[in-house]
Amino acid sequence: MVAKRARALYWYSVISTYSLSPAAKRKLRKMERDFHVREFGEELARINFLPENRRKQAVAEMIDYACSKGVVLSRPALGVTP
């Protein structure tokens, strides 16, 4: 079901490159945001729609916060024991 929705969103993003009315563009953008909220959650949907430089900064902040709370983000390679 997710793949079907993802394909539909891809198609809408292709259509949105053509000239559409501002109302149609808003509707497509809302549909895309709703999809992101359903599939990834509110926080990641918010980050997905930030400008690229701000998005990278937000991800870096999340990584720093996770590391400060003791989350280990690197894993050894498969089959290798420490």
N, C-alpha and C. Protein backbone atom coordinates (compact mmCIF):
# COMPACT_ATOMS: atom_id res chain seq x y z
N MET A 1 0.81 -1.19 0.00
CA MET A 1 0.00 0.00 0.00
C MET A 1 0.86 1.26 0.00
N VAL A 2 1.95 1.23 0.74
CA VAL A 2 2.82 2.40 0.81
C VAL A 2 3.42 2.69 -0.55
N ALA A 3 3.88 1.63 -1.24
CA ALA A 3 4.50 1.83 -2.56
C ALA A 3 3.50 2.45 -3.53
N LYS A 4 2.26 2.02 -3.46
CA LYS A 4 1.24 2.58 -4.34
C LYS A 4 1.09 4.08 -4.08
N ARG A 5 1.05 4.48 -2.81
CA ARG A 5 0.92 5.91 -2.48
C ARG A 5 2.17 6.67 -2.90
N ALA A 6 3.34 6.06 -2.71
CA ALA A 6 4.58 6.73 -3.07
C ALA A 6 4.62 6.98 -4.58
N ARG A 7 4.17 5.99 -5.37
CA ARG A 7 4.13 6.17 -6.81
C ARG A 7 3.20 7.31 -7.18
N ALA A 8 2.06 7.38 -6.52
CA ALA A 8 1.10 8.45 -6.81
C ALA A 8 1.71 9.80 -6.48
N LEU A 9 2.41 9.89 -5.36
CA LEU A 9 3.05 11.16 -5.00
C LEU A 9 4.14 11.53 -5.99
N TYR A 10 4.89 10.54 -6.48
CA TYR A 10 5.91 10.83 -7.48
C TYR A 10 5.24 11.41 -8.71
N TRP A 11 4.15 10.82 -9.13
CA TRP A 11 3.44 11.31 -10.30
C TRP A 11 2.97 12.74 -10.09
N TYR A 12 2.44 13.04 -8.91
CA TYR A 12 1.99 14.40 -8.63
C TYR A 12 3.15 15.38 -8.64
N SER A 13 4.32 14.95 -8.15
CA SER A 13 5.46 15.87 -8.15
C SER A 13 5.94 16.13 -9.58
N VAL A 14 5.81 15.13 -10.46
CA VAL A 14 6.15 15.34 -11.87
C VAL A 14 5.17 16.33 -12.49
N ILE A 15 3.89 16.14 -12.19
CA ILE A 15 2.87 17.05 -12.72
C ILE A 15 3.11 18.46 -12.21
N SER A 16 3.55 18.60 -10.96
CA SER A 16 3.68 19.92 -10.36
C SER A 16 4.78 20.76 -11.02
N THR A 17 5.65 20.10 -11.82
CA THR A 17 6.68 20.88 -12.52
C THR A 17 6.07 21.66 -13.68
N TYR A 18 4.90 21.23 -14.14
CA TYR A 18 4.22 21.95 -15.20
C TYR A 18 3.42 23.09 -14.59
N SER A 19 2.91 23.95 -15.44
CA SER A 19 2.19 25.11 -14.92
C SER A 19 0.84 24.67 -14.35
N LEU A 20 0.70 24.89 -13.07
CA LEU A 20 -0.55 24.61 -12.36
C LEU A 20 -0.99 25.87 -11.66
N SER A 21 -2.25 25.93 -11.36
CA SER A 21 -2.75 27.09 -10.63
C SER A 21 -2.19 27.06 -9.21
N PRO A 22 -2.08 28.20 -8.56
CA PRO A 22 -1.58 28.23 -7.19
C PRO A 22 -2.41 27.35 -6.25
N ALA A 23 -3.72 27.29 -6.46
CA ALA A 23 -4.56 26.44 -5.61
C ALA A 23 -4.22 24.96 -5.81
N ALA A 24 -3.97 24.55 -7.04
CA ALA A 24 -3.61 23.16 -7.30
C ALA A 24 -2.25 22.84 -6.69
N LYS A 25 -1.31 23.78 -6.76
CA LYS A 25 0.01 23.57 -6.16
C LYS A 25 -0.11 23.42 -4.63
N ARG A 26 -0.96 24.25 -4.01
CA ARG A 26 -1.18 24.13 -2.56
C ARG A 26 -1.77 22.78 -2.20
N LYS A 27 -2.73 22.33 -3.01
CA LYS A 27 -3.36 21.03 -2.76
C LYS A 27 -2.34 19.89 -2.86
N LEU A 28 -1.49 19.93 -3.89
CA LEU A 28 -0.46 18.90 -4.04
C LEU A 28 0.52 18.94 -2.88
N ARG A 29 0.91 20.13 -2.46
CA ARG A 29 1.84 20.27 -1.34
C ARG A 29 1.23 19.73 -0.06
N LYS A 30 -0.06 19.99 0.16
CA LYS A 30 -0.75 19.46 1.34
C LYS A 30 -0.82 17.94 1.29
N MET A 31 -1.11 17.38 0.12
CA MET A 31 -1.16 15.93 -0.01
C MET A 31 0.21 15.31 0.28
N GLU A 32 1.26 15.96 -0.22
CA GLU A 32 2.61 15.46 0.02
C GLU A 32 2.96 15.52 1.51
N ARG A 33 2.61 16.62 2.16
CA ARG A 33 2.89 16.74 3.60
C ARG A 33 2.09 15.71 4.41
N ASP A 34 0.82 15.52 4.06
CA ASP A 34 0.01 14.51 4.75
C ASP A 34 0.62 13.12 4.61
N PHE A 35 1.12 12.82 3.42
CA PHE A 35 1.77 11.53 3.21
C PHE A 35 2.98 11.38 4.12
N HIS A 36 3.81 12.42 4.19
CA HIS A 36 5.01 12.38 5.03
C HIS A 36 4.63 12.21 6.50
N VAL A 37 3.59 12.89 6.95
CA VAL A 37 3.15 12.76 8.34
C VAL A 37 2.70 11.33 8.62
N ARG A 38 1.92 10.74 7.71
CA ARG A 38 1.45 9.37 7.91
C ARG A 38 2.60 8.37 7.93
N GLU A 39 3.55 8.52 7.03
CA GLU A 39 4.59 7.52 6.88
C GLU A 39 5.77 7.72 7.83
N PHE A 40 6.12 8.97 8.16
CA PHE A 40 7.33 9.22 8.92
C PHE A 40 7.10 9.88 10.27
N GLY A 41 5.90 10.36 10.52
CA GLY A 41 5.62 11.05 11.77
C GLY A 41 5.76 12.55 11.62
N GLU A 42 5.18 13.26 12.58
CA GLU A 42 5.12 14.72 12.50
C GLU A 42 6.50 15.37 12.50
N GLU A 43 7.39 14.90 13.37
CA GLU A 43 8.71 15.54 13.48
C GLU A 43 9.53 15.40 12.20
N LEU A 44 9.58 14.19 11.65
CA LEU A 44 10.34 14.01 10.41
C LEU A 44 9.67 14.70 9.23
N ALA A 45 8.36 14.76 9.22
CA ALA A 45 7.68 15.49 8.15
C ALA A 45 8.04 16.96 8.21
N ARG A 46 8.10 17.51 9.42
CA ARG A 46 8.48 18.92 9.57
C ARG A 46 9.89 19.15 9.03
N ILE A 47 10.79 18.24 9.35
CA ILE A 47 12.18 18.39 8.91
C ILE A 47 12.30 18.19 7.40
N ASN A 48 11.52 17.27 6.84
CA ASN A 48 11.59 17.01 5.39
C ASN A 48 11.22 18.23 4.56
N PHE A 49 10.41 19.12 5.12
CA PHE A 49 9.96 20.27 4.35
C PHE A 49 10.72 21.55 4.66
N LEU A 50 11.81 21.44 5.40
CA LEU A 50 12.68 22.60 5.64
C LEU A 50 13.59 22.82 4.44
N PRO A 51 14.11 24.03 4.26
CA PRO A 51 15.13 24.25 3.24
C PRO A 51 16.35 23.37 3.53
N GLU A 52 17.10 23.02 2.51
CA GLU A 52 18.17 22.03 2.64
C GLU A 52 19.18 22.38 3.74
N ASN A 53 19.66 23.61 3.78
CA ASN A 53 20.67 23.96 4.79
C ASN A 53 20.10 23.87 6.20
N ARG A 54 18.85 24.28 6.39
CA ARG A 54 18.22 24.18 7.72
C ARG A 54 17.93 22.72 8.08
N ARG A 55 17.58 21.91 7.07
CA ARG A 55 17.32 20.49 7.30
C ARG A 55 18.59 19.78 7.78
N LYS A 56 19.72 20.08 7.14
CA LYS A 56 20.99 19.48 7.56
C LYS A 56 21.35 19.91 8.98
N GLN A 57 21.09 21.16 9.31
CA GLN A 57 21.37 21.66 10.66
C GLN A 57 20.47 20.95 11.68
N ALA A 58 19.20 20.76 11.35
CA ALA A 58 18.28 20.09 12.27
C ALA A 58 18.68 18.64 12.51
N VAL A 59 19.11 17.95 11.46
CA VAL A 59 19.55 16.56 11.60
C VAL A 59 20.81 16.50 12.45
N ALA A 60 21.72 17.42 12.24
CA ALA A 60 22.94 17.46 13.05
C ALA A 60 22.60 17.71 14.53
N GLU A 61 21.63 18.58 14.79
CA GLU A 61 21.20 18.83 16.16
C GLU A 61 20.60 17.57 16.79
N MET A 62 19.81 16.82 16.01
CA MET A 62 19.22 15.58 16.53
C MET A 62 20.32 14.56 16.86
N ILE A 63 21.32 14.47 16.00
CA ILE A 63 22.42 13.54 16.23
C ILE A 63 23.19 13.94 17.48
N ASP A 64 23.50 15.23 17.62
CA ASP A 64 24.21 15.71 18.81
C ASP A 64 23.41 15.43 20.08
N TYR A 65 22.10 15.66 20.02
CA TYR A 65 21.25 15.41 21.18
C TYR A 65 21.25 13.93 21.55
N ALA A 66 21.12 13.08 20.54
CA ALA A 66 21.11 11.63 20.79
C ALA A 66 22.44 11.19 21.40
N CYS A 67 23.55 11.70 20.90
CA CYS A 67 24.86 11.33 21.43
C CYS A 67 25.01 11.82 22.87
N SER A 68 24.46 13.00 23.17
CA SER A 68 24.57 13.53 24.53
C SER A 68 23.76 12.69 25.53
N LYS A 69 22.75 11.96 25.03
CA LYS A 69 21.94 11.09 25.88
C LYS A 69 22.47 9.66 25.92
N GLY A 70 23.62 9.41 25.28
CA GLY A 70 24.24 8.10 25.35
C GLY A 70 23.92 7.16 24.21
N VAL A 71 23.26 7.63 23.17
CA VAL A 71 22.95 6.77 22.03
C VAL A 71 24.22 6.59 21.20
N VAL A 72 24.54 5.33 20.90
CA VAL A 72 25.70 5.03 20.06
C VAL A 72 25.20 4.85 18.64
N LEU A 73 25.67 5.69 17.74
CA LEU A 73 25.16 5.68 16.37
C LEU A 73 26.00 4.84 15.41
N SER A 74 27.19 4.44 15.82
CA SER A 74 27.99 3.62 14.92
C SER A 74 27.94 2.17 15.39
N ARG A 75 27.94 1.25 14.43
CA ARG A 75 27.91 -0.18 14.74
C ARG A 75 29.10 -0.84 14.06
N PRO A 76 29.65 -1.89 14.65
CA PRO A 76 30.72 -2.60 13.97
C PRO A 76 30.18 -3.31 12.74
N ALA A 77 31.07 -3.60 11.81
CA ALA A 77 30.67 -4.30 10.59
C ALA A 77 30.13 -5.69 10.93
N LEU A 78 29.29 -6.21 10.07
CA LEU A 78 28.69 -7.52 10.30
C LEU A 78 29.78 -8.59 10.37
N GLY A 79 29.66 -9.48 11.29
CA GLY A 79 30.60 -10.59 11.42
C GLY A 79 31.88 -10.25 12.17
N VAL A 80 32.03 -8.97 12.56
CA VAL A 80 33.23 -8.55 13.28
C VAL A 80 32.86 -8.37 14.75
N THR A 81 33.55 -9.04 15.63
CA THR A 81 33.28 -8.87 17.05
C THR A 81 34.34 -7.98 17.66
N PRO A 82 33.93 -7.08 18.53
CA PRO A 82 34.90 -6.16 19.14
C PRO A 82 35.77 -6.84 20.18
